[in-house]
N, C-alpha and C. Protein backbone atom coordinates (compact mmCIF):
# COMPACT_ATOMS: atom_id res chain seq x y z
N MET A 1 73.43 18.87 66.72
CA MET A 1 74.62 19.10 65.91
C MET A 1 74.88 20.60 65.82
N GLY A 2 76.17 20.97 65.70
CA GLY A 2 76.50 22.37 65.54
C GLY A 2 76.23 22.80 64.11
N LEU A 3 76.63 24.04 63.80
CA LEU A 3 76.37 24.57 62.47
C LEU A 3 77.07 23.76 61.39
N PHE A 4 78.24 23.16 61.70
CA PHE A 4 79.00 22.43 60.70
C PHE A 4 78.99 20.94 60.97
N GLY A 5 77.92 20.45 61.59
CA GLY A 5 77.78 19.03 61.83
C GLY A 5 78.46 18.54 63.09
N LYS A 6 79.04 19.46 63.85
CA LYS A 6 79.72 19.06 65.08
C LYS A 6 78.70 18.99 66.20
N LYS A 7 78.69 17.88 66.90
CA LYS A 7 77.76 17.71 68.01
C LYS A 7 78.25 18.48 69.22
N GLU A 8 77.40 19.34 69.79
CA GLU A 8 77.78 20.11 70.96
C GLU A 8 77.73 19.23 72.20
N SER A 9 78.67 19.46 73.11
CA SER A 9 78.61 18.73 74.38
C SER A 9 77.55 19.36 75.26
N ASN A 10 77.09 18.61 76.27
CA ASN A 10 76.11 19.15 77.21
C ASN A 10 76.66 20.38 77.91
N ALA A 11 77.97 20.33 78.23
CA ALA A 11 78.57 21.46 78.94
C ALA A 11 78.55 22.70 78.08
N GLU A 12 78.85 22.53 76.78
CA GLU A 12 78.84 23.67 75.88
C GLU A 12 77.43 24.25 75.76
N SER A 13 76.44 23.37 75.61
CA SER A 13 75.06 23.84 75.48
C SER A 13 74.62 24.57 76.73
N THR A 14 74.98 24.04 77.89
CA THR A 14 74.57 24.65 79.14
C THR A 14 75.21 26.02 79.32
N SER A 15 76.49 26.11 78.97
CA SER A 15 77.17 27.37 79.18
C SER A 15 76.59 28.46 78.31
N VAL A 16 76.13 28.10 77.11
CA VAL A 16 75.54 29.10 76.22
C VAL A 16 74.22 29.60 76.78
N SER A 17 73.41 28.70 77.32
CA SER A 17 72.06 29.07 77.75
C SER A 17 72.02 29.70 79.13
N THR A 18 73.11 29.62 79.87
CA THR A 18 73.06 30.13 81.24
C THR A 18 74.14 31.18 81.48
N GLN A 19 74.51 31.91 80.44
CA GLN A 19 75.49 32.97 80.61
C GLN A 19 74.94 34.03 81.56
N ALA A 20 75.86 34.64 82.32
CA ALA A 20 75.44 35.66 83.29
C ALA A 20 74.73 36.78 82.58
N GLY A 21 73.60 37.16 83.13
CA GLY A 21 72.85 38.29 82.60
C GLY A 21 71.92 37.94 81.47
N SER A 22 71.97 36.70 80.94
CA SER A 22 71.08 36.34 79.85
C SER A 22 69.70 36.02 80.39
N THR A 23 68.68 36.32 79.59
CA THR A 23 67.30 36.01 79.98
C THR A 23 66.65 35.26 78.84
N PRO A 24 65.84 34.26 79.16
CA PRO A 24 65.17 33.51 78.10
C PRO A 24 64.19 34.40 77.34
N LYS A 25 64.11 34.16 76.04
CA LYS A 25 63.18 34.94 75.23
C LYS A 25 61.74 34.54 75.55
N ALA A 26 60.86 35.54 75.58
CA ALA A 26 59.45 35.26 75.84
C ALA A 26 58.85 34.54 74.64
N ASP A 27 57.93 33.65 74.91
CA ASP A 27 57.25 32.91 73.86
C ASP A 27 56.28 33.86 73.15
N PRO A 28 56.48 34.13 71.86
CA PRO A 28 55.58 35.07 71.16
C PRO A 28 54.15 34.59 71.11
N ARG A 29 53.94 33.28 71.29
CA ARG A 29 52.57 32.75 71.26
C ARG A 29 51.74 33.25 72.44
N THR A 30 52.40 33.64 73.51
CA THR A 30 51.69 34.11 74.70
C THR A 30 51.65 35.63 74.79
N ASP A 31 52.22 36.31 73.80
CA ASP A 31 52.23 37.77 73.80
C ASP A 31 50.92 38.28 73.21
N PRO A 32 50.10 38.97 74.01
CA PRO A 32 48.80 39.42 73.50
C PRO A 32 48.91 40.49 72.42
N ASN A 33 50.09 41.08 72.27
CA ASN A 33 50.28 42.12 71.26
C ASN A 33 50.83 41.58 69.95
N ARG A 34 50.98 40.27 69.85
CA ARG A 34 51.48 39.67 68.62
C ARG A 34 50.48 38.66 68.06
N ILE A 35 50.50 38.51 66.77
CA ILE A 35 49.62 37.55 66.12
C ILE A 35 50.46 36.62 65.24
N GLN A 36 49.95 35.43 65.04
CA GLN A 36 50.63 34.41 64.24
C GLN A 36 50.28 34.59 62.77
N VAL A 37 51.29 34.59 61.92
CA VAL A 37 51.08 34.65 60.47
C VAL A 37 52.01 33.62 59.83
N PHE A 38 51.78 33.36 58.54
CA PHE A 38 52.63 32.44 57.80
C PHE A 38 53.08 33.13 56.52
N ASP A 39 54.35 32.97 56.18
CA ASP A 39 54.84 33.59 54.95
C ASP A 39 54.49 32.71 53.76
N GLU A 40 54.95 33.12 52.57
CA GLU A 40 54.58 32.41 51.35
C GLU A 40 55.10 30.98 51.30
N PHE A 41 56.07 30.66 52.15
CA PHE A 41 56.62 29.31 52.20
C PHE A 41 56.01 28.48 53.33
N GLY A 42 55.01 29.05 54.03
CA GLY A 42 54.35 28.35 55.11
C GLY A 42 55.07 28.42 56.44
N ARG A 43 56.08 29.29 56.52
CA ARG A 43 56.84 29.42 57.77
C ARG A 43 56.08 30.28 58.76
N GLU A 44 56.09 29.86 60.01
CA GLU A 44 55.38 30.56 61.08
C GLU A 44 56.16 31.80 61.49
N LEU A 45 55.45 32.92 61.58
CA LEU A 45 56.03 34.18 62.03
C LEU A 45 55.09 34.82 63.03
N PHE A 46 55.63 35.69 63.86
CA PHE A 46 54.82 36.45 64.81
C PHE A 46 55.14 37.93 64.64
N ILE A 47 54.10 38.71 64.37
CA ILE A 47 54.28 40.14 64.19
C ILE A 47 53.37 40.89 65.14
N THR A 48 53.67 42.15 65.37
CA THR A 48 52.82 42.92 66.27
C THR A 48 51.46 43.18 65.61
N LYS A 49 50.45 43.33 66.43
CA LYS A 49 49.12 43.61 65.91
C LYS A 49 49.09 44.93 65.15
N GLU A 50 49.85 45.91 65.64
CA GLU A 50 49.87 47.20 64.97
C GLU A 50 50.51 47.08 63.58
N HIS A 51 51.56 46.27 63.47
CA HIS A 51 52.18 46.04 62.16
C HIS A 51 51.19 45.36 61.22
N TRP A 52 50.46 44.39 61.75
CA TRP A 52 49.43 43.73 60.94
C TRP A 52 48.38 44.73 60.48
N ARG A 53 47.91 45.57 61.40
CA ARG A 53 46.84 46.51 61.08
C ARG A 53 47.26 47.51 60.02
N THR A 54 48.48 48.05 60.15
CA THR A 54 48.90 49.14 59.27
C THR A 54 49.61 48.68 58.01
N ASN A 55 50.26 47.52 58.05
CA ASN A 55 51.08 47.12 56.91
C ASN A 55 50.59 45.89 56.17
N VAL A 56 49.87 45.01 56.86
CA VAL A 56 49.44 43.77 56.22
C VAL A 56 47.97 43.81 55.83
N LEU A 57 47.13 44.27 56.74
CA LEU A 57 45.68 44.24 56.50
C LEU A 57 45.26 45.01 55.25
N PRO A 58 45.76 46.23 55.01
CA PRO A 58 45.33 46.94 53.79
C PRO A 58 45.63 46.16 52.51
N GLY A 59 46.81 45.54 52.44
CA GLY A 59 47.14 44.75 51.26
C GLY A 59 46.28 43.51 51.13
N SER A 60 45.96 42.90 52.26
CA SER A 60 45.10 41.71 52.25
C SER A 60 43.70 42.06 51.77
N ILE A 61 43.20 43.21 52.20
CA ILE A 61 41.88 43.67 51.75
C ILE A 61 41.90 43.90 50.24
N LYS A 62 42.93 44.57 49.76
CA LYS A 62 43.04 44.85 48.32
C LYS A 62 43.08 43.55 47.52
N LYS A 63 43.85 42.58 48.02
CA LYS A 63 43.99 41.31 47.33
C LYS A 63 42.67 40.54 47.28
N SER A 64 41.85 40.69 48.32
CA SER A 64 40.59 39.94 48.42
C SER A 64 39.38 40.76 47.96
N TRP A 65 39.59 41.94 47.44
CA TRP A 65 38.54 42.91 47.19
C TRP A 65 37.37 42.34 46.39
N ASP A 66 37.65 41.56 45.38
CA ASP A 66 36.59 41.05 44.51
C ASP A 66 36.33 39.56 44.71
N ASN A 67 36.76 39.03 45.84
CA ASN A 67 36.48 37.64 46.19
C ASN A 67 35.64 37.65 47.47
N PRO A 68 34.31 37.55 47.35
CA PRO A 68 33.45 37.71 48.53
C PRO A 68 33.78 36.77 49.69
N ASP A 69 34.09 35.50 49.40
CA ASP A 69 34.38 34.56 50.47
C ASP A 69 35.64 34.97 51.24
N GLN A 70 36.70 35.30 50.51
CA GLN A 70 37.94 35.70 51.16
C GLN A 70 37.76 37.02 51.92
N LEU A 71 37.05 37.95 51.31
CA LEU A 71 36.86 39.25 51.94
C LEU A 71 36.04 39.11 53.22
N TYR A 72 35.01 38.29 53.16
CA TYR A 72 34.19 38.05 54.35
C TYR A 72 35.04 37.49 55.49
N ASN A 73 35.83 36.46 55.20
CA ASN A 73 36.65 35.85 56.24
C ASN A 73 37.67 36.84 56.81
N LEU A 74 38.20 37.68 55.96
CA LEU A 74 39.16 38.69 56.41
C LEU A 74 38.50 39.71 57.32
N ILE A 75 37.29 40.12 56.98
CA ILE A 75 36.56 41.08 57.81
C ILE A 75 36.22 40.47 59.16
N VAL A 76 35.75 39.24 59.15
CA VAL A 76 35.41 38.57 60.41
C VAL A 76 36.64 38.47 61.32
N GLY A 77 37.76 38.06 60.76
CA GLY A 77 38.98 37.96 61.54
C GLY A 77 39.40 39.31 62.10
N SER A 78 39.24 40.35 61.30
CA SER A 78 39.61 41.70 61.75
C SER A 78 38.69 42.18 62.86
N LEU A 79 37.41 41.85 62.77
CA LEU A 79 36.48 42.21 63.85
C LEU A 79 36.87 41.50 65.14
N ASN A 80 37.26 40.23 65.03
CA ASN A 80 37.68 39.49 66.22
C ASN A 80 38.92 40.12 66.87
N ASP A 81 39.74 40.78 66.04
CA ASP A 81 40.94 41.44 66.55
C ASP A 81 40.67 42.88 66.99
N GLY A 82 39.42 43.35 66.81
CA GLY A 82 39.07 44.69 67.25
C GLY A 82 39.32 45.78 66.25
N TYR A 83 39.55 45.44 64.98
CA TYR A 83 39.83 46.45 63.95
C TYR A 83 38.53 46.86 63.27
N PHE A 84 37.71 47.58 63.97
CA PHE A 84 36.37 47.91 63.47
C PHE A 84 36.40 48.95 62.36
N ALA A 85 37.13 50.02 62.58
CA ALA A 85 37.16 51.10 61.59
C ALA A 85 37.94 50.70 60.34
N ASP A 86 38.91 49.81 60.49
CA ASP A 86 39.79 49.45 59.38
C ASP A 86 39.08 48.66 58.28
N VAL A 87 37.95 48.03 58.61
CA VAL A 87 37.28 47.20 57.62
C VAL A 87 35.93 47.77 57.20
N LEU A 88 35.68 49.03 57.53
CA LEU A 88 34.38 49.63 57.24
C LEU A 88 34.12 49.68 55.73
N GLU A 89 35.09 50.19 54.96
CA GLU A 89 34.90 50.29 53.52
C GLU A 89 34.85 48.91 52.87
N ALA A 90 35.63 47.98 53.39
CA ALA A 90 35.60 46.62 52.85
C ALA A 90 34.23 45.98 53.07
N ALA A 91 33.66 46.20 54.25
CA ALA A 91 32.33 45.64 54.54
C ALA A 91 31.26 46.27 53.65
N LYS A 92 31.38 47.57 53.43
CA LYS A 92 30.43 48.25 52.54
C LYS A 92 30.53 47.68 51.13
N HIS A 93 31.75 47.46 50.66
CA HIS A 93 31.96 46.90 49.33
C HIS A 93 31.40 45.48 49.24
N LEU A 94 31.66 44.68 50.27
CA LEU A 94 31.15 43.31 50.27
C LEU A 94 29.63 43.30 50.21
N HIS A 95 29.01 44.19 50.94
CA HIS A 95 27.55 44.30 50.91
C HIS A 95 27.04 44.53 49.50
N GLY A 96 27.82 45.25 48.71
CA GLY A 96 27.40 45.55 47.35
C GLY A 96 27.63 44.43 46.35
N ILE A 97 28.58 43.53 46.63
CA ILE A 97 28.94 42.52 45.63
C ILE A 97 28.57 41.10 46.04
N ASP A 98 28.24 40.88 47.30
CA ASP A 98 28.05 39.51 47.79
C ASP A 98 26.76 38.91 47.24
N SER A 99 26.90 37.76 46.58
CA SER A 99 25.71 37.07 46.08
C SER A 99 24.91 36.44 47.22
N VAL A 100 25.58 36.21 48.35
CA VAL A 100 24.88 35.75 49.56
C VAL A 100 24.44 37.02 50.29
N THR A 101 23.27 37.50 49.93
CA THR A 101 22.87 38.85 50.34
C THR A 101 22.78 39.01 51.86
N ALA A 102 22.31 37.98 52.55
CA ALA A 102 22.17 38.09 54.00
C ALA A 102 23.54 38.19 54.66
N ARG A 103 24.52 37.47 54.13
CA ARG A 103 25.87 37.53 54.68
C ARG A 103 26.46 38.93 54.50
N GLY A 104 26.33 39.46 53.29
CA GLY A 104 26.87 40.80 53.04
C GLY A 104 26.19 41.86 53.88
N ALA A 105 24.86 41.75 54.02
CA ALA A 105 24.13 42.74 54.82
C ALA A 105 24.50 42.61 56.29
N CYS A 106 24.60 41.38 56.77
CA CYS A 106 24.90 41.18 58.20
C CYS A 106 26.28 41.71 58.55
N ILE A 107 27.28 41.38 57.75
CA ILE A 107 28.63 41.80 58.12
C ILE A 107 28.76 43.32 58.03
N TYR A 108 28.11 43.93 57.05
CA TYR A 108 28.16 45.39 56.95
C TYR A 108 27.42 46.02 58.12
N GLY A 109 26.25 45.49 58.44
CA GLY A 109 25.51 46.03 59.58
C GLY A 109 26.25 45.86 60.88
N ILE A 110 26.94 44.73 61.05
CA ILE A 110 27.72 44.49 62.27
C ILE A 110 28.87 45.48 62.36
N VAL A 111 29.57 45.70 61.24
CA VAL A 111 30.68 46.65 61.26
C VAL A 111 30.18 48.06 61.57
N LEU A 112 29.05 48.44 60.99
CA LEU A 112 28.48 49.75 61.31
C LEU A 112 28.13 49.84 62.79
N THR A 113 27.56 48.78 63.33
CA THR A 113 27.21 48.76 64.76
C THR A 113 28.45 48.90 65.62
N LYS A 114 29.51 48.17 65.27
CA LYS A 114 30.77 48.24 66.03
C LYS A 114 31.38 49.64 65.97
N ASN A 115 31.10 50.36 64.91
CA ASN A 115 31.59 51.73 64.78
C ASN A 115 30.60 52.76 65.30
N ASN A 116 29.57 52.27 66.01
CA ASN A 116 28.55 53.13 66.62
C ASN A 116 27.77 53.95 65.60
N ARG A 117 27.64 53.43 64.40
CA ARG A 117 26.81 54.07 63.37
C ARG A 117 25.49 53.30 63.32
N LEU A 118 24.74 53.48 64.39
CA LEU A 118 23.59 52.60 64.64
C LEU A 118 22.44 52.85 63.67
N ASP A 119 22.18 54.11 63.32
CA ASP A 119 21.09 54.40 62.40
C ASP A 119 21.35 53.76 61.04
N GLU A 120 22.59 53.84 60.58
CA GLU A 120 22.94 53.23 59.29
C GLU A 120 22.84 51.71 59.36
N ALA A 121 23.25 51.14 60.48
CA ALA A 121 23.15 49.70 60.64
C ALA A 121 21.69 49.25 60.59
N GLU A 122 20.82 50.00 61.25
CA GLU A 122 19.39 49.65 61.23
C GLU A 122 18.85 49.68 59.81
N VAL A 123 19.25 50.67 59.03
CA VAL A 123 18.78 50.77 57.65
C VAL A 123 19.23 49.55 56.84
N VAL A 124 20.47 49.13 57.04
CA VAL A 124 20.99 47.97 56.31
C VAL A 124 20.19 46.71 56.65
N PHE A 125 19.97 46.47 57.94
CA PHE A 125 19.24 45.27 58.35
C PHE A 125 17.79 45.31 57.89
N ARG A 126 17.15 46.45 58.06
CA ARG A 126 15.73 46.56 57.67
C ARG A 126 15.57 46.42 56.16
N SER A 127 16.49 46.99 55.41
CA SER A 127 16.43 46.88 53.96
C SER A 127 16.57 45.43 53.52
N GLN A 128 17.47 44.69 54.16
CA GLN A 128 17.64 43.28 53.85
C GLN A 128 16.36 42.50 54.13
N LEU A 129 15.73 42.77 55.26
CA LEU A 129 14.49 42.07 55.63
C LEU A 129 13.36 42.41 54.66
N GLU A 130 13.27 43.66 54.26
CA GLU A 130 12.21 44.08 53.35
C GLU A 130 12.37 43.47 51.96
N LYS A 131 13.61 43.37 51.50
CA LYS A 131 13.86 42.89 50.14
C LYS A 131 13.87 41.36 50.04
N HIS A 132 14.29 40.69 51.10
CA HIS A 132 14.54 39.26 51.00
C HIS A 132 13.77 38.42 52.01
N GLY A 133 12.94 39.04 52.81
CA GLY A 133 12.16 38.29 53.78
C GLY A 133 12.90 38.13 55.10
N GLU A 134 12.19 37.60 56.08
CA GLU A 134 12.74 37.48 57.43
C GLU A 134 13.76 36.34 57.52
N GLU A 135 14.89 36.67 58.09
CA GLU A 135 15.94 35.69 58.36
C GLU A 135 16.37 35.87 59.81
N GLY A 136 16.51 34.75 60.52
CA GLY A 136 16.72 34.82 61.95
C GLY A 136 17.92 35.62 62.37
N TYR A 137 19.07 35.38 61.72
CA TYR A 137 20.26 36.06 62.21
C TYR A 137 20.32 37.52 61.78
N VAL A 138 19.56 37.90 60.75
CA VAL A 138 19.44 39.32 60.44
C VAL A 138 18.64 40.02 61.54
N LEU A 139 17.56 39.38 61.96
CA LEU A 139 16.76 39.94 63.06
C LEU A 139 17.56 40.01 64.36
N THR A 140 18.36 39.00 64.63
CA THR A 140 19.17 39.00 65.85
C THR A 140 20.17 40.15 65.84
N ASN A 141 20.77 40.41 64.70
CA ASN A 141 21.71 41.53 64.62
C ASN A 141 21.00 42.88 64.66
N LEU A 142 19.79 42.93 64.14
CA LEU A 142 18.99 44.14 64.30
C LEU A 142 18.69 44.37 65.78
N ALA A 143 18.41 43.29 66.51
CA ALA A 143 18.18 43.40 67.95
C ALA A 143 19.38 43.99 68.67
N LYS A 144 20.58 43.67 68.19
CA LYS A 144 21.79 44.22 68.81
C LYS A 144 21.90 45.72 68.61
N VAL A 145 21.38 46.21 67.50
CA VAL A 145 21.33 47.66 67.28
C VAL A 145 20.44 48.31 68.33
N TYR A 146 19.26 47.72 68.55
CA TYR A 146 18.35 48.27 69.57
C TYR A 146 18.98 48.18 70.96
N SER A 147 19.67 47.09 71.23
CA SER A 147 20.32 46.94 72.52
C SER A 147 21.38 48.02 72.73
N ALA A 148 22.13 48.32 71.67
CA ALA A 148 23.16 49.35 71.76
C ALA A 148 22.56 50.73 72.03
N ARG A 149 21.30 50.90 71.65
CA ARG A 149 20.60 52.17 71.92
C ARG A 149 19.89 52.15 73.27
N ASN A 150 20.04 51.04 73.99
CA ASN A 150 19.35 50.86 75.26
C ASN A 150 17.83 50.78 75.09
N GLU A 151 17.38 50.34 73.92
CA GLU A 151 15.96 50.09 73.69
C GLU A 151 15.70 48.63 74.06
N THR A 152 15.68 48.39 75.37
CA THR A 152 15.73 47.03 75.89
C THR A 152 14.58 46.15 75.43
N GLN A 153 13.36 46.65 75.58
CA GLN A 153 12.21 45.84 75.23
C GLN A 153 12.15 45.56 73.73
N LYS A 154 12.47 46.55 72.95
CA LYS A 154 12.48 46.38 71.49
C LYS A 154 13.53 45.37 71.08
N ALA A 155 14.67 45.42 71.75
CA ALA A 155 15.74 44.46 71.47
C ALA A 155 15.29 43.05 71.80
N GLU A 156 14.68 42.86 72.95
CA GLU A 156 14.24 41.52 73.36
C GLU A 156 13.15 40.99 72.44
N ASP A 157 12.21 41.84 72.07
CA ASP A 157 11.13 41.40 71.18
C ASP A 157 11.68 40.99 69.81
N THR A 158 12.64 41.76 69.33
CA THR A 158 13.22 41.45 68.02
C THR A 158 14.06 40.19 68.08
N LEU A 159 14.82 40.04 69.18
CA LEU A 159 15.60 38.82 69.36
C LEU A 159 14.70 37.60 69.43
N TRP A 160 13.63 37.69 70.19
CA TRP A 160 12.70 36.58 70.32
C TRP A 160 12.10 36.21 68.97
N HIS A 161 11.74 37.23 68.18
CA HIS A 161 11.17 36.96 66.86
C HIS A 161 12.22 36.30 65.96
N GLY A 162 13.47 36.74 66.08
CA GLY A 162 14.53 36.10 65.32
C GLY A 162 14.67 34.63 65.65
N LEU A 163 14.51 34.29 66.91
CA LEU A 163 14.58 32.89 67.33
C LEU A 163 13.34 32.10 66.92
N GLU A 164 12.21 32.78 66.82
CA GLU A 164 11.02 32.12 66.27
C GLU A 164 11.23 31.76 64.81
N VAL A 165 11.84 32.68 64.07
CA VAL A 165 12.10 32.45 62.65
C VAL A 165 13.13 31.34 62.47
N ASP A 166 14.19 31.38 63.29
CA ASP A 166 15.24 30.37 63.20
C ASP A 166 15.75 30.06 64.61
N PRO A 167 15.22 29.02 65.24
CA PRO A 167 15.63 28.70 66.62
C PRO A 167 17.03 28.11 66.73
N ASN A 168 17.67 27.79 65.61
CA ASN A 168 18.98 27.15 65.64
C ASN A 168 20.12 28.17 65.51
N GLN A 169 19.98 29.26 66.22
CA GLN A 169 21.03 30.29 66.24
C GLN A 169 21.76 30.19 67.57
N ASP A 170 22.94 29.70 67.55
CA ASP A 170 23.68 29.54 68.81
C ASP A 170 23.89 30.87 69.52
N ASN A 171 24.33 31.88 68.78
CA ASN A 171 24.60 33.18 69.40
C ASN A 171 23.33 33.83 69.91
N GLY A 172 22.28 33.77 69.09
CA GLY A 172 21.01 34.38 69.50
C GLY A 172 20.43 33.69 70.72
N LEU A 173 20.49 32.36 70.74
CA LEU A 173 19.96 31.62 71.88
C LEU A 173 20.77 31.90 73.14
N ALA A 174 22.10 31.94 72.98
CA ALA A 174 22.96 32.22 74.14
C ALA A 174 22.66 33.61 74.71
N TRP A 175 22.42 34.57 73.84
CA TRP A 175 22.09 35.92 74.29
C TRP A 175 20.75 35.93 75.02
N TYR A 176 19.78 35.24 74.45
CA TYR A 176 18.45 35.19 75.05
C TYR A 176 18.50 34.56 76.45
N VAL A 177 19.24 33.46 76.57
CA VAL A 177 19.37 32.80 77.86
C VAL A 177 20.10 33.71 78.85
N ALA A 178 21.15 34.41 78.37
CA ALA A 178 21.92 35.29 79.26
C ALA A 178 21.05 36.43 79.80
N ILE A 179 20.14 36.93 78.98
CA ILE A 179 19.24 37.99 79.44
C ILE A 179 18.43 37.52 80.64
N HIS A 180 17.88 36.31 80.54
CA HIS A 180 17.03 35.80 81.62
C HIS A 180 17.86 35.33 82.81
N ARG A 181 19.10 34.90 82.57
CA ARG A 181 19.98 34.55 83.69
C ARG A 181 20.31 35.80 84.51
N ASP A 182 20.63 36.88 83.83
CA ASP A 182 20.97 38.13 84.52
C ASP A 182 19.77 38.70 85.26
N ARG A 183 18.61 38.49 84.69
CA ARG A 183 17.40 39.09 85.27
C ARG A 183 16.86 38.26 86.43
N SER A 184 16.84 36.93 86.26
CA SER A 184 16.12 36.10 87.24
C SER A 184 16.89 34.90 87.76
N GLY A 185 18.15 34.74 87.35
CA GLY A 185 18.94 33.63 87.88
C GLY A 185 19.00 32.44 86.95
N GLU A 186 19.78 31.44 87.35
CA GLU A 186 20.05 30.28 86.51
C GLU A 186 18.80 29.46 86.23
N ALA A 187 17.92 29.32 87.23
CA ALA A 187 16.70 28.51 87.03
C ALA A 187 15.84 29.11 85.92
N ALA A 188 15.74 30.43 85.91
CA ALA A 188 14.95 31.10 84.88
C ALA A 188 15.58 30.91 83.51
N ALA A 189 16.92 30.98 83.47
CA ALA A 189 17.61 30.79 82.20
C ALA A 189 17.36 29.39 81.65
N GLN A 190 17.47 28.38 82.52
CA GLN A 190 17.27 27.00 82.08
C GLN A 190 15.84 26.74 81.64
N SER A 191 14.90 27.45 82.23
CA SER A 191 13.50 27.24 81.88
C SER A 191 13.18 27.74 80.48
N ARG A 192 14.10 28.51 79.91
CA ARG A 192 13.86 29.07 78.58
C ARG A 192 14.28 28.13 77.46
N THR A 193 14.81 26.97 77.79
CA THR A 193 15.17 26.00 76.77
C THR A 193 14.53 24.67 77.10
N THR A 194 14.27 23.90 76.08
CA THR A 194 13.70 22.57 76.29
C THR A 194 14.84 21.59 76.58
N PRO A 195 14.60 20.53 77.35
CA PRO A 195 15.67 19.58 77.66
C PRO A 195 16.23 18.88 76.45
N CYS A 196 15.43 18.70 75.38
CA CYS A 196 15.89 17.87 74.28
C CYS A 196 16.74 18.58 73.28
N CYS A 197 16.45 19.79 72.97
CA CYS A 197 17.15 20.41 71.85
C CYS A 197 17.56 21.85 72.07
N GLY A 198 17.26 22.45 73.17
CA GLY A 198 17.71 23.81 73.42
C GLY A 198 16.92 24.87 72.68
N THR A 199 15.74 24.52 72.15
CA THR A 199 14.93 25.49 71.45
C THR A 199 14.18 26.36 72.45
N PRO A 200 14.22 27.69 72.28
CA PRO A 200 13.53 28.56 73.24
C PRO A 200 12.03 28.33 73.26
N ARG A 201 11.48 28.45 74.45
CA ARG A 201 10.03 28.33 74.57
C ARG A 201 9.36 29.67 74.35
């Protein structure tokens, strides 16, 4: 139907869409520089990543500042989008207020690692381990700090210990298998997991 309830003919519709010199609009869903958002009424919008980073993200952080769950999810999403420096202060704040201490320590340590502040990241992870005991994914993220420093053996030993503490870490196990695949091939990688449950040997 037209704007006033008038049904357009096929000829009219065709002439509008095939005017000389017209080009179809690109689908924003396939534009790597745009992200999908929803307004307060639930309507789908697409904005540039730079607009999100500079105009939307700061307000979202402020709004979620004292809600650990929301702030954590916002930081994770921002890391996935590559906004490492933009969430540094938010991650530091979350580390200070999060009642789930391992979550707060891990996300802050990860953000520090992404910003190449490796010494500070190591302090955060080690402090968490000393105060609250060994947790597999804290050890795995500590291993990533060593890996970023090219301390290969130390990274592998720490990763392996993290998997000993908690073998049900998908990311840690995938990393461990990838190390042995790169080093010795697919057969070596497969030999590092059991057929029944994927637990490292």
